Protein backbone atom coordinates (compact mmCIF):
# COMPACT_ATOMS: atom_id res chain seq x y z
CA MET A 1 13.16 107.74 46.44
CA ASP A 2 11.24 110.37 44.39
CA PRO A 3 13.44 111.58 41.50
CA ASN A 4 11.61 114.93 41.42
CA ALA A 5 12.36 115.65 45.09
CA VAL A 6 14.67 118.55 45.79
CA GLN A 7 17.87 117.48 47.54
CA ILE A 8 19.53 119.97 49.87
CA GLN A 9 23.21 119.42 50.76
CA ILE A 10 24.27 120.99 54.04
CA PRO A 11 27.90 122.16 53.97
CA ALA A 12 30.22 120.87 56.68
CA SER A 13 30.92 123.23 59.51
CA ALA A 14 34.28 124.92 59.86
CA SER A 15 35.17 122.79 62.85
CA GLN A 16 34.41 119.65 60.90
CA GLN A 17 36.53 120.85 57.97
CA GLU A 18 39.42 121.63 60.27
CA SER A 19 39.15 118.27 61.98
CA SER A 20 39.06 116.47 58.65
CA SER A 21 42.11 118.37 57.43
CA ILE A 22 44.19 117.44 60.45
CA PRO A 23 46.28 114.36 59.68
CA ASP A 24 46.38 111.43 61.96
CA ALA A 25 48.81 111.76 64.84
CA PRO A 26 52.08 110.08 64.00
CA ALA A 27 53.03 106.96 65.78
CA THR A 28 55.42 107.25 68.66
CA LYS A 29 58.95 107.41 67.31
CA PRO A 30 61.87 105.67 68.99
CA LEU A 31 64.33 107.79 70.90
CA PRO A 32 67.04 109.27 68.72
CA ALA A 33 70.59 107.99 68.87
CA ALA A 34 71.61 111.09 70.83
CA ALA A 35 69.44 109.96 73.72
CA THR A 36 71.14 106.58 73.69
CA LYS A 37 74.55 108.19 73.71
CA ALA A 38 73.56 110.34 76.66
CA ALA A 39 73.94 107.29 78.89
CA ALA A 40 77.64 107.16 78.05
CA ARG A 41 78.24 110.81 78.94
CA PRO A 42 78.84 110.15 82.65
CA ALA A 43 81.60 107.68 81.74
CA LEU A 44 83.17 110.13 79.30
CA SER A 45 82.95 112.94 81.83
CA SER A 46 84.50 110.74 84.47
CA ALA A 47 87.32 109.77 82.11
CA SER A 48 88.07 113.44 81.41
CA ASP A 49 88.21 114.13 85.15
CA LEU A 50 90.54 111.19 85.67
CA LEU A 51 92.97 112.57 83.11
CA LYS A 52 93.66 115.45 85.48
CA LEU A 53 95.18 112.96 87.92
CA LEU A 54 97.68 111.70 85.34
CA PRO A 55 100.88 113.15 83.84
CA THR A 56 100.05 115.35 80.87
CA GLY A 57 102.82 114.01 78.65
CA THR A 58 101.84 110.40 79.29
CA VAL A 59 98.20 111.08 78.46
CA LEU A 60 99.07 112.96 75.25
CA ALA A 61 101.42 110.18 74.13
CA PHE A 62 98.74 107.56 74.71
CA GLN A 63 96.02 109.52 72.92
CA ALA A 64 98.31 110.19 69.96
CA LEU A 65 99.60 106.63 69.52
CA ALA A 66 96.63 104.50 70.56
CA PRO A 67 94.59 104.91 67.32
CA SER A 68 97.55 103.95 65.12
CA PHE A 69 98.85 101.16 67.33
CA SER A 70 95.39 99.58 67.62
CA ASN A 71 94.53 100.14 63.94
CA HIS A 72 91.36 101.87 65.14
CA GLY A 73 90.16 98.70 66.84
CA VAL A 74 90.73 96.35 63.86
CA CYS A 75 93.75 94.59 65.33
CA HIS A 76 96.14 92.04 63.92
CA VAL A 77 98.60 90.12 66.07
CA VAL A 78 101.29 92.79 65.78
CA ASN A 79 98.79 95.48 66.76
CA ARG A 80 97.96 93.66 69.97
CA TYR A 81 101.62 93.50 70.94
CA LEU A 82 102.00 97.21 70.14
CA VAL A 83 98.95 98.09 72.23
CA LEU A 84 100.14 96.01 75.18
CA SER A 85 103.56 97.66 74.96
CA LEU A 86 102.01 101.14 74.80
CA VAL A 87 99.70 100.53 77.76
CA GLY A 88 102.49 98.99 79.80
CA ALA A 89 104.95 101.80 79.02
CA CYS A 90 102.43 104.52 79.87
CA ALA A 91 101.44 102.79 83.12
CA ALA A 92 105.11 102.48 84.06
CA SER A 93 105.55 106.17 83.26
CA CYS A 94 102.74 107.05 85.67
CA VAL A 95 104.43 105.00 88.38
CA LEU A 96 107.91 106.43 87.85
CA LEU A 97 106.73 110.03 87.62
CA SER A 98 105.03 109.62 90.98
CA PHE A 99 108.51 109.52 92.53
CA THR A 100 109.68 112.76 90.89
CA ASP A 101 109.50 116.24 92.33
CA SER A 102 110.13 119.86 91.35
CA PHE A 103 111.31 122.77 93.42
CA ILE A 104 112.98 126.17 93.15
CA GLY A 105 116.46 126.36 94.69
CA ARG A 106 117.97 129.21 96.66
CA ASP A 107 119.41 130.55 93.42
CA GLY A 108 115.91 131.03 91.99
CA LYS A 109 116.22 128.28 89.36
CA LEU A 110 113.74 125.46 88.80
CA TYR A 111 115.07 121.97 89.47
CA HIS A 112 113.55 118.60 88.70
CA GLY A 113 114.64 115.34 90.24
CA ALA A 114 113.77 111.92 91.59
CA ALA A 115 113.25 110.89 95.18
CA THR A 116 115.45 108.14 96.57
CA PHE A 117 115.43 106.26 99.86
CA GLY A 118 118.31 108.41 101.08
CA GLY A 119 117.15 111.81 99.87
CA PHE A 120 116.63 113.51 96.54
CA TYR A 121 118.65 113.59 93.32
CA PRO A 122 118.17 116.69 91.10
CA PHE A 123 118.47 115.97 87.38
CA ASN A 124 119.55 119.38 86.11
CA PHE A 125 122.23 120.35 88.64
CA THR A 126 125.89 119.96 87.69
CA GLY A 127 127.66 122.07 90.33
CA THR A 128 130.19 121.04 92.92
CA ARG A 129 129.36 119.70 96.36
CA GLU A 130 129.83 123.13 97.92
CA GLU A 131 127.51 124.70 95.34
CA ARG A 132 125.01 121.93 95.95
CA GLU A 133 124.94 122.61 99.68
CA ALA A 134 124.57 126.33 99.03
CA THR A 135 121.74 125.84 96.53
CA PHE A 136 119.71 123.18 98.31
CA LYS A 137 118.81 122.51 101.91
CA GLU A 138 117.40 119.48 103.66
CA LEU A 139 116.99 117.36 100.53
CA TYR A 140 116.56 114.30 102.75
CA ARG A 141 113.04 115.53 103.53
CA LEU A 142 112.12 114.76 99.91
CA ARG A 143 113.08 111.09 100.20
CA ILE A 144 110.73 108.26 99.24
CA THR A 145 107.92 107.53 101.67
CA ALA A 146 105.19 104.90 101.84
CA MET A 147 102.68 107.43 100.53
CA ASP A 148 104.62 107.64 97.25
CA PHE A 149 103.96 103.95 96.61
CA VAL A 150 100.26 104.42 97.33
CA HIS A 151 99.98 107.28 94.86
CA ALA A 152 102.06 105.41 92.28
CA PHE A 153 99.73 102.40 92.49
CA PHE A 154 96.56 104.46 92.13
CA SER A 155 98.05 106.53 89.31
CA ALA A 156 98.68 103.33 87.37
CA LEU A 157 95.18 102.10 88.27
CA VAL A 158 93.61 105.31 86.96
CA PHE A 159 95.56 105.11 83.71
CA LEU A 160 94.62 101.46 83.12
CA ALA A 161 90.96 102.29 83.72
CA VAL A 162 91.08 105.15 81.22
CA ALA A 163 93.01 103.08 78.67
CA LEU A 164 90.60 100.12 78.85
CA ALA A 165 87.65 102.48 78.43
CA ASP A 166 88.95 103.51 75.00
CA ALA A 167 86.88 101.92 72.22
CA SER A 168 89.85 101.12 69.98
CA ILE A 169 91.72 99.46 72.85
CA GLN A 170 88.65 97.41 73.73
CA GLY A 171 88.25 96.28 70.14
CA CYS A 172 91.90 95.27 69.98
CA LEU A 173 92.36 93.51 73.31
CA PHE A 174 88.82 92.17 73.76
CA PRO A 175 87.47 91.48 70.27
CA ASP A 176 85.14 88.69 71.43
CA ALA A 177 83.97 90.31 74.65
CA GLY A 178 80.29 89.96 75.46
CA PRO A 179 77.94 92.76 76.46
CA ASP A 180 78.61 92.21 80.16
CA VAL A 181 82.37 92.64 79.74
CA ARG A 182 81.95 95.72 77.56
CA GLU A 183 79.56 97.25 80.10
CA LEU A 184 82.15 96.60 82.79
CA LEU A 185 84.84 98.33 80.72
CA VAL A 186 82.58 101.34 80.22
CA ILE A 187 81.79 101.84 83.90
CA LEU A 188 85.32 100.97 85.06
CA PRO A 189 86.53 104.61 84.95
CA LEU A 190 83.64 105.59 87.22
CA GLY A 191 84.68 103.16 89.93
CA ALA A 192 88.39 103.87 89.53
CA GLY A 193 87.77 107.60 89.60
CA PHE A 194 85.71 107.44 92.77
CA LEU A 195 88.19 105.20 94.58
CA SER A 196 91.26 107.17 93.48
CA SER A 197 89.65 110.52 94.28
CA MET A 198 88.88 109.32 97.79
CA VAL A 199 92.45 108.12 98.29
CA PHE A 200 93.98 111.32 96.93
CA MET A 201 91.64 113.41 99.09
CA ILE A 202 92.28 111.50 102.31
CA PHE A 203 96.00 111.05 101.67
CA PRO A 204 97.10 114.08 99.61
CA THR A 205 100.59 114.06 98.17
CA THR A 206 103.11 116.85 98.63
CA ARG A 207 105.00 115.91 95.48
CA LYS A 208 105.16 118.38 92.62
CA SER A 209 105.80 115.62 90.14
CA VAL A 210 107.25 116.18 86.68
CA GLY A 211 104.57 116.31 84.01
CA TYR A 212 101.74 117.60 86.18
CA ALA A 213 101.20 121.06 84.73
CA ASP A 214 98.79 122.22 87.43
CA MET A 215 101.34 121.86 90.27
CA ALA A 216 103.62 124.73 91.23
CA PRO A 217 107.11 123.70 92.40
CA HIS A 218 108.32 123.89 96.00
CA ALA A 219 110.49 126.76 97.18
CA GLN A 220 113.73 125.97 98.99
């Protein structure tokens, strides 16, 4: 090459400068954790809907005591016994409250009681027999029926499904569970909710049970 030759340097065009200044496209990033958690939202939503089918006091007691009783999923032997006792007591509460009812007597007062095979026994009435007959009428119509046992069974089923879907309860009762068992426990509320909703829709109850805040009492 001739050293005396004149060299002319052509500047890069604007489009070339812009293209050279653009960094390489980043590699595809994995989905964030929020997208992974979105798969669990149907189960959580189903669990919240199931809670509406359960007594409010029972649900609040379980939610308040479960973290402490299960030691937030890190269970010792005593914690497992406490958790089993809590789950059993709350399930029994759902069953027993299915046989209760509420109504307003002829005197305008609210009465709560339990259904029996022979009629109905009000808890908060202390009057004489004559006052009882004047305040209430046809209490035998509130006696126990076969439908009460059906609703009691499915109420307990719904509660057990919700309880076993809790992460701390799973960690306490099933510490060595594999992925298949944990997946079953996650989707269990979905199946229980669907089955119980169908039963409650086809066979609705007329009970205004104690503890169900969304039910207005009967009028005598």
